[in-house]
Amino acid sequence: MLKVTDAIEAHPVIRWLMTDGRRLVDPSEFLEAFAHELRAAGVDVSRITTGVPILHPQIFSFSGLWQHGKGTTERRYRTEPDTPATLLNSPIGIAYQGRGPVRCDLTAPPQDGEFVILADLRREGFTDYIVHSIPFADGSHKALSLATSRRGGFTADELALFEAMIPAFAFNLEVQALRRTARTLLDTYVGPQAGGRVLEGQIQRGTGETIGAVIWLCDLAGFTGLSETLERDVLIDLLNCYFGPMCNAVTEQGGEILKFIGDAMLAIFPIGHDAAATCGAALSAAGRAQAALIDENLRRKPSGLPRIDYGLALHVGDVMYGNIGSDTRLDFTVIGPAVNLTARIESMCRQLGSPLLLSSDFVRAAGIVAESLGKFSLKGVGVEQELFVPVRIG
């Protein structure tokens, strides 16, 4: 058995944290392996959680939960106005403040004002529960909780191990948190597919590939006039109410948002083996966005808020998908004649009185019935283009 001496530093769990554990960057995989190492070393632990507040526009914190015999799950806690308040009566909240550890004897009778989680832990048959604060290099603190169902709770040697392993555990948790934050920021600002490529090291200028894709380009109608007449906060709210449904529709149907250009949004739906299915997904996304914005305009009308009108073009073509820019500032995006043509088609929406226009290439690839509006000369495009509106969306 482990003795509370300097030899604790040589404990197999700490050695694992300092060696093999560092190679596991996936949080769930790491937590599963960590629990296995503890139990293999004779530590009777039945439940482990990690709590990591992160930088994310919608998620307050991530939490890994391991339970003996049930495996590992990941929990996400959304950012809410009262999120900090929910931590006031929580040992996790204490850990986030850098205080603790907090140990609770779950065999003792319930007390008035006790931590809310204790009742749940008692019902599940746990006897002892301890929460440690895990310090990060930036001065913040995360949380690690351990619980056992063993009669008598954790031993003195086990408690000493938990205390001794905190620095090594903190290193592993911080690496995972930093990687998650990097991925979150990349997903938020450049998109999940491009973000994944960047994390994999594809950051050299000029690198990329040619892919077939459905190209989506939408633009807010009358934005110049709106920006000159609306107050700043009202204008920003209008943009968010417009981009929100557009973004949700694209991502829900498997597309990737590449960039916002003022009041315009560029997205792609990469084509795999089934071009018609990809076109169908893009058209379904257009229908969802249209329905959502109809509802949004109905909501805005009683308050006298300006109506949201837009133009959207869908086209199919080959694009160069990769890095462009300077030595120090890059943009992972798509370029090529097909992108330029999509922009020209979108510019015809207002003239033709339709919020959605389809190219002939899109209609052909999608295999759908669409109504032709005629052939048109587009600026910068040598050949007249036949433009269509869908007979049915989605």
Protein backbone atom coordinates (compact mmCIF):
# COMPACT_ATOMS: atom_id res chain seq x y z
CA MET A 1 0.00 0.00 0.00
CA LEU A 2 1.03 3.59 -0.59
CA LYS A 3 2.69 5.33 2.37
CA VAL A 4 2.53 9.07 2.95
CA THR A 5 6.20 9.74 2.28
CA ASP A 6 8.32 11.26 -0.44
CA ALA A 7 8.07 7.91 -2.21
CA ILE A 8 4.56 8.89 -3.25
CA GLU A 9 6.10 10.70 -6.20
CA ALA A 10 7.00 7.26 -7.61
CA HIS A 11 3.42 5.99 -7.42
CA PRO A 12 2.43 4.24 -10.69
CA VAL A 13 -0.54 6.59 -11.24
CA ILE A 14 1.71 9.66 -11.06
CA ARG A 15 4.28 7.99 -13.32
CA TRP A 16 1.49 7.27 -15.80
CA LEU A 17 0.31 10.90 -15.68
CA MET A 18 3.85 12.06 -16.40
CA THR A 19 4.41 9.61 -19.29
CA ASP A 20 1.70 7.71 -21.16
CA GLY A 21 -1.09 9.95 -19.91
CA ARG A 22 0.42 12.94 -21.68
CA ARG A 23 -0.05 11.26 -25.04
CA LEU A 24 -3.83 11.12 -24.61
CA VAL A 25 -5.16 14.48 -25.78
CA ASP A 26 -8.78 13.36 -26.19
CA PRO A 27 -10.48 14.21 -22.85
CA SER A 28 -12.79 11.17 -22.77
CA GLU A 29 -10.02 8.76 -23.71
CA PHE A 30 -7.76 10.27 -21.06
CA LEU A 31 -10.41 10.12 -18.32
CA GLU A 32 -11.20 6.49 -19.10
CA ALA A 33 -7.52 5.55 -18.97
CA PHE A 34 -6.96 7.60 -15.79
CA ALA A 35 -9.77 5.75 -14.01
CA HIS A 36 -8.30 2.44 -15.14
CA GLU A 37 -4.87 3.38 -13.76
CA LEU A 38 -6.36 4.36 -10.40
CA ARG A 39 -8.29 1.13 -10.04
CA ALA A 40 -5.33 -0.94 -11.25
CA ALA A 41 -3.30 0.67 -8.46
CA GLY A 42 -5.86 -0.43 -5.87
CA VAL A 43 -7.73 2.88 -5.50
CA ASP A 44 -11.41 2.08 -5.02
CA VAL A 45 -12.86 4.91 -7.08
CA SER A 46 -16.31 4.55 -8.66
CA ARG A 47 -16.94 8.01 -10.09
CA ILE A 48 -14.67 10.75 -11.48
CA THR A 49 -15.55 14.10 -13.02
CA THR A 50 -13.56 16.96 -14.48
CA GLY A 51 -14.92 20.48 -14.75
CA VAL A 52 -13.31 22.94 -17.16
CA PRO A 53 -14.77 26.41 -17.81
CA ILE A 54 -13.73 27.35 -21.34
CA LEU A 55 -13.79 30.19 -23.84
CA HIS A 56 -16.86 29.48 -25.96
CA PRO A 57 -19.71 31.67 -27.26
CA GLN A 58 -22.43 29.33 -25.93
CA ILE A 59 -20.83 26.78 -23.58
CA PHE A 60 -19.79 27.76 -20.05
CA SER A 61 -17.92 24.56 -19.23
CA PHE A 62 -17.17 21.03 -20.31
CA SER A 63 -17.30 18.17 -17.87
CA GLY A 64 -16.11 14.62 -18.27
CA LEU A 65 -17.96 11.98 -16.23
CA TRP A 66 -16.56 8.48 -15.67
CA GLN A 67 -18.59 5.89 -13.77
CA HIS A 68 -17.41 2.40 -12.93
CA GLY A 69 -19.13 -0.09 -15.20
CA LYS A 70 -20.73 2.65 -17.32
CA GLY A 71 -17.78 4.27 -19.07
CA THR A 72 -17.18 7.93 -19.89
CA THR A 73 -19.55 10.63 -21.10
CA GLU A 74 -19.01 14.28 -21.84
CA ARG A 75 -21.36 16.95 -20.53
CA ARG A 76 -21.66 20.50 -21.78
CA TYR A 77 -23.12 23.29 -19.68
CA ARG A 78 -24.52 26.15 -21.68
CA THR A 79 -23.82 29.76 -20.81
CA GLU A 80 -26.82 31.21 -18.99
CA PRO A 81 -27.32 34.52 -17.17
CA ASP A 82 -27.49 32.65 -13.85
CA THR A 83 -24.66 30.17 -14.51
CA PRO A 84 -22.35 31.59 -11.80
CA ALA A 85 -25.25 31.52 -9.33
CA THR A 86 -25.73 27.78 -9.86
CA LEU A 87 -22.18 27.26 -8.61
CA LEU A 88 -22.73 29.05 -5.32
CA ASN A 89 -23.97 25.90 -3.60
CA SER A 90 -21.55 23.58 -5.37
CA PRO A 91 -18.13 22.16 -4.46
CA ILE A 92 -17.21 22.62 -8.12
CA GLY A 93 -17.78 26.36 -7.70
CA ILE A 94 -15.43 26.33 -4.72
CA ALA A 95 -12.81 24.53 -6.81
CA TYR A 96 -13.15 27.10 -9.61
CA GLN A 97 -12.29 29.78 -7.03
CA GLY A 98 -9.06 27.96 -6.18
CA ARG A 99 -10.24 26.85 -2.75
CA GLY A 100 -10.60 23.42 -1.23
CA PRO A 101 -10.29 20.52 -1.30
CA VAL A 102 -13.89 19.82 -0.32
CA ARG A 103 -14.59 16.38 1.16
CA CYS A 104 -18.08 15.13 2.00
CA ASP A 105 -19.00 12.09 4.07
CA LEU A 106 -22.03 10.76 2.23
CA THR A 107 -22.90 8.35 5.05
CA ALA A 108 -23.62 11.27 7.39
CA PRO A 109 -27.24 12.51 7.70
CA PRO A 110 -28.26 15.26 5.26
CA GLN A 111 -27.75 18.80 6.53
CA ASP A 112 -29.74 21.97 5.82
CA GLY A 113 -28.03 24.01 3.12
CA GLU A 114 -25.71 21.21 2.03
CA PHE A 115 -24.44 20.93 -1.53
CA VAL A 116 -27.26 20.01 -3.89
CA ILE A 117 -25.27 17.22 -5.54
CA LEU A 118 -24.89 15.25 -2.31
CA ALA A 119 -28.47 13.96 -2.35
CA ASP A 120 -27.93 12.50 -5.83
CA LEU A 121 -24.65 10.90 -4.80
CA ARG A 122 -26.27 9.29 -1.75
CA ARG A 123 -29.06 7.87 -3.89
CA GLU A 124 -26.48 6.31 -6.17
CA GLY A 125 -24.81 4.59 -3.24
CA PHE A 126 -21.61 6.60 -2.88
CA THR A 127 -20.03 6.89 0.56
CA ASP A 128 -17.25 9.45 0.11
CA TYR A 129 -16.80 12.41 -2.24
CA ILE A 130 -13.88 14.80 -2.65
CA VAL A 131 -13.34 17.74 -5.00
CA HIS A 132 -9.90 19.20 -5.71
CA SER A 133 -9.08 22.53 -7.31
CA ILE A 134 -6.79 22.06 -10.32
CA PRO A 135 -4.55 25.10 -10.95
CA PHE A 136 -3.70 26.17 -14.50
CA ALA A 137 -0.71 28.23 -15.61
CA ASP A 138 -2.90 31.25 -16.40
CA GLY A 139 -4.00 31.51 -12.76
CA SER A 140 -7.43 29.96 -13.31
CA HIS A 141 -8.65 26.83 -11.55
CA LYS A 142 -10.59 23.82 -12.80
CA ALA A 143 -12.09 20.90 -10.88
CA LEU A 144 -11.52 17.21 -10.28
CA SER A 145 -13.97 15.15 -8.22
CA LEU A 146 -13.64 11.55 -7.07
CA ALA A 147 -16.19 9.38 -5.30
CA THR A 148 -16.22 5.85 -3.91
CA SER A 149 -18.91 3.39 -2.89
CA ARG A 150 -16.61 1.54 -0.48
CA ARG A 151 -17.66 1.33 3.11
CA GLY A 152 -15.49 3.68 5.14
CA GLY A 153 -14.72 5.89 2.15
CA PHE A 154 -11.28 6.76 0.84
CA THR A 155 -8.23 5.75 2.86
CA ALA A 156 -5.58 8.17 4.11
CA ASP A 157 -3.16 6.81 1.51
CA GLU A 158 -5.65 7.40 -1.30
CA LEU A 159 -6.31 10.95 -0.13
CA ALA A 160 -2.55 11.55 -0.03
CA LEU A 161 -2.25 10.26 -3.59
CA PHE A 162 -5.00 12.58 -4.80
CA GLU A 163 -3.16 15.55 -3.28
CA ALA A 164 0.20 14.49 -4.70
CA MET A 165 -1.01 13.88 -8.24
CA ILE A 166 -2.60 17.32 -8.72
CA PRO A 167 0.41 18.96 -10.49
CA ALA A 168 0.73 16.08 -12.98
CA PHE A 169 -3.04 15.88 -13.48
CA ALA A 170 -3.20 19.65 -13.99
CA PHE A 171 -0.62 19.47 -16.79
CA ASN A 172 -2.67 16.87 -18.68
CA LEU A 173 -5.96 18.69 -18.15
CA GLU A 174 -4.46 22.00 -19.28
CA VAL A 175 -3.12 20.51 -22.51
CA GLN A 176 -6.57 19.10 -23.25
CA ALA A 177 -8.26 22.40 -22.37
CA LEU A 178 -5.89 24.42 -24.55
CA ARG A 179 -6.45 22.10 -27.48
CA ARG A 180 -10.21 22.30 -26.97
CA THR A 181 -10.07 26.09 -26.77
CA ALA A 182 -7.99 26.25 -29.95
CA ARG A 183 -10.46 23.99 -31.73
CA THR A 184 -13.43 25.99 -30.41
CA LEU A 185 -11.95 29.28 -31.63
CA LEU A 186 -11.09 27.79 -35.01
CA ASP A 187 -14.56 26.28 -35.35
CA THR A 188 -16.13 29.60 -34.36
CA TYR A 189 -14.07 31.85 -36.62
CA VAL A 190 -13.08 29.70 -39.61
CA GLY A 191 -15.45 26.69 -39.47
CA PRO A 192 -15.04 23.09 -38.26
CA GLN A 193 -13.63 21.63 -41.49
CA ALA A 194 -11.16 24.44 -42.11
CA GLY A 195 -10.40 24.55 -38.38
CA GLY A 196 -9.56 20.87 -38.39
CA ARG A 197 -7.18 21.36 -41.30
CA VAL A 198 -5.43 24.21 -39.54
CA LEU A 199 -5.00 22.11 -36.36
CA GLU A 200 -3.51 19.35 -38.49
CA GLY A 201 -0.82 21.77 -39.67
CA GLN A 202 -2.14 22.93 -43.03
CA ILE A 203 -1.08 26.53 -42.50
CA GLN A 204 1.32 27.19 -45.36
CA ARG A 205 0.35 29.88 -47.83
CA GLY A 206 -0.72 28.45 -51.16
CA THR A 207 -1.56 24.97 -49.89
CA GLY A 208 -4.95 23.62 -50.79
CA GLU A 209 -6.90 21.38 -53.11
CA THR A 210 -9.51 21.61 -55.82
CA ILE A 211 -12.88 20.26 -54.77
CA GLY A 212 -16.37 20.14 -56.21
CA ALA A 213 -18.90 21.99 -54.11
CA VAL A 214 -22.26 23.65 -53.94
CA ILE A 215 -21.47 27.31 -53.38
CA TRP A 216 -23.84 29.35 -51.22
CA LEU A 217 -23.68 33.13 -51.20
CA CYS A 218 -26.30 35.25 -49.49
CA ASP A 219 -26.46 39.01 -49.10
CA LEU A 220 -28.69 41.27 -47.02
CA ALA A 221 -30.82 43.54 -49.22
CA GLY A 222 -30.63 47.30 -48.66
CA PHE A 223 -27.83 47.07 -46.12
CA THR A 224 -26.17 50.34 -47.13
CA GLY A 225 -29.32 52.31 -46.42
CA LEU A 226 -29.95 50.43 -43.20
CA SER A 227 -26.43 51.08 -41.96
CA GLU A 228 -26.90 54.81 -42.54
CA THR A 229 -30.24 55.08 -40.71
CA LEU A 230 -30.20 52.51 -37.90
CA GLU A 231 -28.53 52.92 -34.55
CA ARG A 232 -25.50 50.73 -33.99
CA ASP A 233 -27.12 48.24 -31.59
CA VAL A 234 -30.24 47.92 -33.76
CA LEU A 235 -28.08 47.29 -36.82
CA ILE A 236 -25.99 44.66 -35.07
CA ASP A 237 -29.15 42.95 -33.82
CA LEU A 238 -30.55 42.93 -37.36
CA LEU A 239 -27.36 41.32 -38.69
CA ASN A 240 -27.45 38.67 -35.98
CA CYS A 241 -31.13 37.95 -36.65
CA TYR A 242 -30.27 37.54 -40.34
CA PHE A 243 -27.04 35.57 -40.03
CA GLY A 244 -28.39 33.30 -37.28
CA PRO A 245 -31.00 31.47 -39.39
CA MET A 246 -28.64 31.39 -42.38
CA CYS A 247 -25.82 29.84 -40.35
CA ASN A 248 -28.06 27.37 -38.56
CA ALA A 249 -29.62 26.19 -41.82
CA VAL A 250 -26.24 25.67 -43.50
CA THR A 251 -24.58 23.80 -40.64
CA GLU A 252 -27.63 21.64 -39.91
CA GLN A 253 -27.51 20.40 -43.51
CA GLY A 254 -23.79 19.65 -43.50
CA GLY A 255 -22.47 22.83 -45.08
CA GLU A 256 -19.53 24.89 -43.88
CA ILE A 257 -19.60 28.65 -43.39
CA LEU A 258 -16.35 30.09 -44.69
CA LYS A 259 -16.65 33.80 -44.10
CA PHE A 260 -18.80 36.85 -43.52
CA ILE A 261 -18.12 39.69 -45.91
CA GLY A 262 -19.92 42.67 -44.44
CA ASP A 263 -23.56 41.66 -44.79
CA ALA A 264 -22.80 38.70 -47.08
CA MET A 265 -22.06 35.08 -46.15
CA LEU A 266 -20.09 32.56 -48.18
CA ALA A 267 -20.55 28.84 -47.51
CA ILE A 268 -19.93 25.57 -49.30
CA PHE A 269 -21.38 22.07 -49.32
CA PRO A 270 -18.50 19.81 -50.45
CA ILE A 271 -19.68 17.24 -52.99
CA GLY A 272 -18.85 13.61 -52.28
CA HIS A 273 -20.12 10.68 -54.27
CA ASP A 274 -23.67 11.97 -54.63
CA ALA A 275 -23.91 15.43 -56.15
CA ALA A 276 -27.70 15.34 -56.24
CA ALA A 277 -27.89 14.63 -52.49
CA THR A 278 -25.49 17.50 -51.75
CA CYS A 279 -27.56 19.86 -53.88
CA GLY A 280 -30.67 18.62 -52.09
CA ALA A 281 -29.08 19.42 -48.73
CA ALA A 282 -28.21 22.94 -49.87
CA LEU A 283 -31.71 23.51 -51.22
CA SER A 284 -33.21 22.21 -48.00
CA ALA A 285 -30.99 24.62 -46.07
CA ALA A 286 -32.27 27.47 -48.23
CA GLY A 287 -35.83 26.45 -47.41
CA ARG A 288 -35.11 26.31 -43.69
CA ALA A 289 -33.48 29.72 -43.75
CA GLN A 290 -36.43 31.16 -45.68
CA ALA A 291 -38.96 29.75 -43.21
CA ALA A 292 -36.98 30.99 -40.21
CA LEU A 293 -36.68 34.51 -41.64
CA ILE A 294 -40.39 34.63 -42.45
CA ASP A 295 -41.04 33.92 -38.77
CA GLU A 296 -38.42 36.47 -37.76
CA ASN A 297 -40.03 39.19 -39.87
CA LEU A 298 -43.41 38.43 -38.31
CA ARG A 299 -41.81 38.84 -34.91
CA ARG A 300 -40.17 42.12 -35.88
CA LYS A 301 -43.23 43.76 -37.46
CA PRO A 302 -45.21 44.67 -34.29
CA SER A 303 -42.13 46.38 -32.84
CA GLY A 304 -41.55 48.43 -35.96
CA LEU A 305 -38.17 46.82 -36.56
CA PRO A 306 -36.89 46.85 -40.15
CA ARG A 307 -37.74 43.86 -42.30
CA ILE A 308 -34.98 41.42 -43.22
CA ASP A 309 -34.80 40.86 -46.99
CA TYR A 310 -32.00 38.99 -48.68
CA GLY A 311 -30.72 37.45 -51.88
CA LEU A 312 -29.27 33.94 -52.08
CA ALA A 313 -27.57 32.14 -54.95
CA LEU A 314 -26.72 28.44 -55.24
CA HIS A 315 -24.24 27.23 -57.84
CA VAL A 316 -22.17 24.08 -58.42
CA GLY A 317 -18.55 24.12 -59.52
CA ASP A 318 -14.92 23.36 -58.76
CA VAL A 319 -13.22 25.66 -56.26
CA MET A 320 -9.72 25.94 -54.86
CA TYR A 321 -10.03 25.27 -51.13
CA GLY A 322 -6.98 26.39 -49.19
CA ASN A 323 -4.75 29.10 -47.77
CA ILE A 324 -4.33 32.51 -49.34
CA GLY A 325 -2.91 35.72 -47.91
CA SER A 326 0.41 37.08 -46.69
CA ASP A 327 3.27 35.44 -44.84
CA THR A 328 1.73 36.35 -41.48
CA ARG A 329 -2.03 36.59 -42.14
CA LEU A 330 -3.89 33.79 -43.92
CA ASP A 331 -7.45 33.05 -44.88
CA PHE A 332 -8.65 29.47 -45.34
CA THR A 333 -11.32 29.91 -48.00
CA VAL A 334 -12.46 29.02 -51.50
CA ILE A 335 -11.63 30.92 -54.65
CA GLY A 336 -12.17 30.45 -58.36
CA PRO A 337 -14.45 31.39 -61.26
CA ALA A 338 -17.33 29.40 -59.73
CA VAL A 339 -17.27 31.61 -56.63
CA ASN A 340 -17.26 34.76 -58.75
CA LEU A 341 -20.17 33.47 -60.82
CA THR A 342 -22.18 32.73 -57.66
CA ALA A 343 -21.69 36.33 -56.55
CA ARG A 344 -22.89 37.62 -59.92
CA ILE A 345 -25.97 35.39 -59.77
CA GLU A 346 -26.81 36.63 -56.27
CA SER A 347 -26.61 40.23 -57.51
CA MET A 348 -29.56 39.46 -59.82
CA CYS A 349 -31.93 38.52 -57.00
CA ARG A 350 -33.28 42.01 -56.50
CA GLN A 351 -33.62 42.69 -60.23
CA LEU A 352 -35.54 39.46 -60.79
CA GLY A 353 -37.62 39.79 -57.63
CA SER A 354 -36.60 36.45 -56.16
CA PRO A 355 -34.79 35.84 -52.85
CA LEU A 356 -33.30 32.61 -54.25
CA LEU A 357 -31.70 31.97 -57.64
CA LEU A 358 -30.20 28.75 -58.95
CA SER A 359 -27.63 28.33 -61.68
CA SER A 360 -28.24 25.94 -64.56
CA ASP A 361 -25.32 23.84 -63.29
CA PHE A 362 -27.03 23.51 -59.90
CA VAL A 363 -30.38 22.53 -61.43
CA ARG A 364 -28.69 19.94 -63.63
CA ALA A 365 -26.61 18.47 -60.79
CA ALA A 366 -29.58 18.44 -58.42
CA GLY A 367 -31.84 16.75 -60.96
CA ILE A 368 -34.78 18.93 -59.94
CA VAL A 369 -37.60 20.67 -61.77
CA ALA A 370 -37.07 24.44 -61.71
CA GLU A 371 -38.60 27.42 -63.45
CA SER A 372 -36.35 29.26 -65.88
CA LEU A 373 -36.30 33.04 -65.65
CA GLY A 374 -34.32 33.36 -68.87
CA LYS A 375 -30.73 33.94 -69.89
CA PHE A 376 -28.82 36.96 -68.66
CA SER A 377 -25.51 38.70 -69.26
CA LEU A 378 -23.63 38.95 -65.99
CA LYS A 379 -20.81 41.36 -65.29
CA GLY A 380 -17.43 39.71 -65.83
CA VAL A 381 -18.98 36.51 -67.20
CA GLY A 382 -18.43 35.89 -70.89
CA VAL A 383 -21.36 33.56 -71.55
CA GLU A 384 -24.99 34.34 -70.82
CA GLN A 385 -26.28 32.41 -67.83
CA GLU A 386 -29.70 30.84 -67.51
CA LEU A 387 -31.11 31.43 -64.06
CA PHE A 388 -33.80 29.43 -62.27
CA VAL A 389 -36.05 29.51 -59.24
CA PRO A 390 -37.05 26.26 -57.56
CA VAL A 391 -40.56 24.93 -57.99
CA ARG A 392 -40.30 23.52 -54.48
CA ILE A 393 -37.78 24.15 -51.70
CA GLY A 394 -36.70 21.35 -49.34
